Amino acid sequence: MRNADACGATSFSVFRARAEWVGRVSYAFRGKHGEYYGGDCSYFGFPHPRELASVVFHNVRKPELNKIAMGFLFHRFIILGRGVTDLDKQTAAAQAALVGTTPAA
């Protein structure tokens, strides 16, 4: 997906097939202007972090082209931070730790 944007799903449901690790997931989300969209895709039952399981990636110009993170098979998503505030707190904590371990001159 080119020009992809991400948002959280407003709702999602997982439907498991006979095998525990295969199924379908259906989801709904809202676009930047408040429009409702949705989709469904295969779900392979791989463990995903809770924060990432409900992230929906969609094309900015065509939001009907979308996919939820738990439907990706060959992608691994990592949380780098949860916003500028968290990154600032982490930076401040790291700097404070460095100052505490630096020998006095």
Protein backbone atom coordinates (compact mmCIF):
# COMPACT_ATOMS: atom_id res chain seq x y z
CA MET A 1 0.00 0.00 0.00
CA ARG A 2 1.44 3.31 -1.01
CA ASN A 3 0.61 6.43 0.99
CA ALA A 4 -0.71 4.28 3.79
CA ASP A 5 -2.16 5.76 6.94
CA ALA A 6 -2.89 3.93 10.19
CA CYS A 7 -5.67 4.16 12.74
CA GLY A 8 -7.25 1.98 15.39
CA ALA A 9 -10.16 -0.31 14.62
CA THR A 10 -13.39 0.76 16.27
CA SER A 11 -14.39 -2.91 16.46
CA PHE A 12 -13.20 -6.30 15.26
CA SER A 13 -14.34 -9.91 15.47
CA VAL A 14 -12.31 -13.06 14.94
CA PHE A 15 -14.05 -16.11 13.50
CA ARG A 16 -12.01 -19.28 13.90
CA ALA A 17 -12.25 -22.12 11.43
CA ARG A 18 -11.98 -25.76 12.46
CA ALA A 19 -8.24 -25.40 12.90
CA GLU A 20 -7.52 -23.15 15.90
CA TRP A 21 -4.89 -21.08 14.12
CA VAL A 22 -6.82 -20.26 10.93
CA GLY A 23 -9.87 -18.05 10.58
CA ARG A 24 -11.22 -14.71 9.44
CA VAL A 25 -11.25 -11.32 11.07
CA SER A 26 -13.75 -8.59 10.25
CA TYR A 27 -13.26 -5.02 11.42
CA ALA A 28 -14.54 -1.46 11.22
CA PHE A 29 -12.69 1.84 11.45
CA ARG A 30 -13.23 5.55 10.86
CA GLY A 31 -11.35 7.65 8.33
CA LYS A 32 -9.82 11.05 9.02
CA HIS A 33 -13.08 12.81 8.14
CA GLY A 34 -15.26 10.53 10.28
CA GLU A 35 -16.45 8.17 7.54
CA TYR A 36 -16.96 4.54 8.47
CA TYR A 37 -15.10 1.81 6.60
CA GLY A 38 -14.54 -1.87 7.19
CA GLY A 39 -13.01 -5.01 5.85
CA ASP A 40 -12.26 -8.63 6.44
CA CYS A 41 -9.24 -10.81 5.85
CA SER A 42 -7.62 -14.08 6.81
CA TYR A 43 -6.42 -14.51 10.35
CA PHE A 44 -3.64 -16.98 11.05
CA GLY A 45 -3.68 -16.92 14.84
CA PHE A 46 -0.14 -15.75 15.33
CA PRO A 47 0.41 -13.82 18.57
CA HIS A 48 0.38 -10.05 18.14
CA PRO A 49 0.93 -7.40 20.81
CA ARG A 50 -2.47 -6.16 21.99
CA GLU A 51 -1.65 -2.58 20.98
CA LEU A 52 -0.91 -3.65 17.41
CA ALA A 53 -3.60 -6.25 16.81
CA SER A 54 -6.27 -3.65 16.08
CA VAL A 55 -4.23 -1.20 13.96
CA VAL A 56 -5.76 -0.73 10.50
CA PHE A 57 -3.59 0.36 7.57
CA HIS A 58 -5.46 2.05 4.74
CA ASN A 59 -4.76 3.96 1.57
CA VAL A 60 -5.23 7.70 2.16
CA ARG A 61 -6.90 8.29 -1.21
CA LYS A 62 -8.91 5.04 -1.23
CA PRO A 63 -9.70 4.01 2.37
CA GLU A 64 -11.60 1.00 1.03
CA LEU A 65 -8.12 -0.44 0.35
CA ASN A 66 -7.27 -1.46 3.90
CA LYS A 67 -5.98 -4.27 6.09
CA ILE A 68 -5.84 -4.85 9.82
CA ALA A 69 -2.46 -5.64 11.38
CA MET A 70 -3.54 -9.06 12.68
CA GLY A 71 -4.25 -10.05 9.07
CA PHE A 72 -0.67 -9.55 7.92
CA LEU A 73 1.22 -12.81 7.54
CA PHE A 74 4.80 -11.78 6.74
CA HIS A 75 5.11 -8.46 8.60
CA ARG A 76 6.31 -7.90 12.13
CA PHE A 77 5.27 -4.67 13.82
CA ILE A 78 7.18 -3.06 16.66
CA ILE A 79 6.05 -0.22 18.92
CA LEU A 80 8.72 2.48 18.96
CA GLY A 81 6.79 4.81 21.25
CA ARG A 82 3.28 5.87 22.08
CA GLY A 83 3.70 9.54 21.34
CA VAL A 84 6.00 12.48 21.81
CA THR A 85 5.40 12.59 25.57
CA ASP A 86 6.52 8.99 26.05
CA LEU A 87 9.58 9.52 23.89
CA ASP A 88 10.46 12.64 25.88
CA LYS A 89 10.11 10.72 29.18
CA GLN A 90 12.30 7.92 27.84
CA THR A 91 14.94 10.39 26.68
CA ALA A 92 14.90 12.20 30.02
CA ALA A 93 15.21 8.91 31.92
CA ALA A 94 18.10 7.79 29.73
CA GLN A 95 19.89 11.12 30.19
CA ALA A 96 19.34 10.99 33.96
CA ALA A 97 20.82 7.48 34.05
CA LEU A 98 23.86 8.64 32.09
CA VAL A 99 24.41 11.61 34.41
CA GLY A 100 24.18 9.30 37.43
CA THR A 101 26.88 6.95 36.10
CA THR A 102 29.34 9.60 34.88
CA PRO A 103 32.31 9.99 37.26
CA ALA A 104 32.76 13.45 38.78
CA ALA A 105 35.73 15.47 37.53
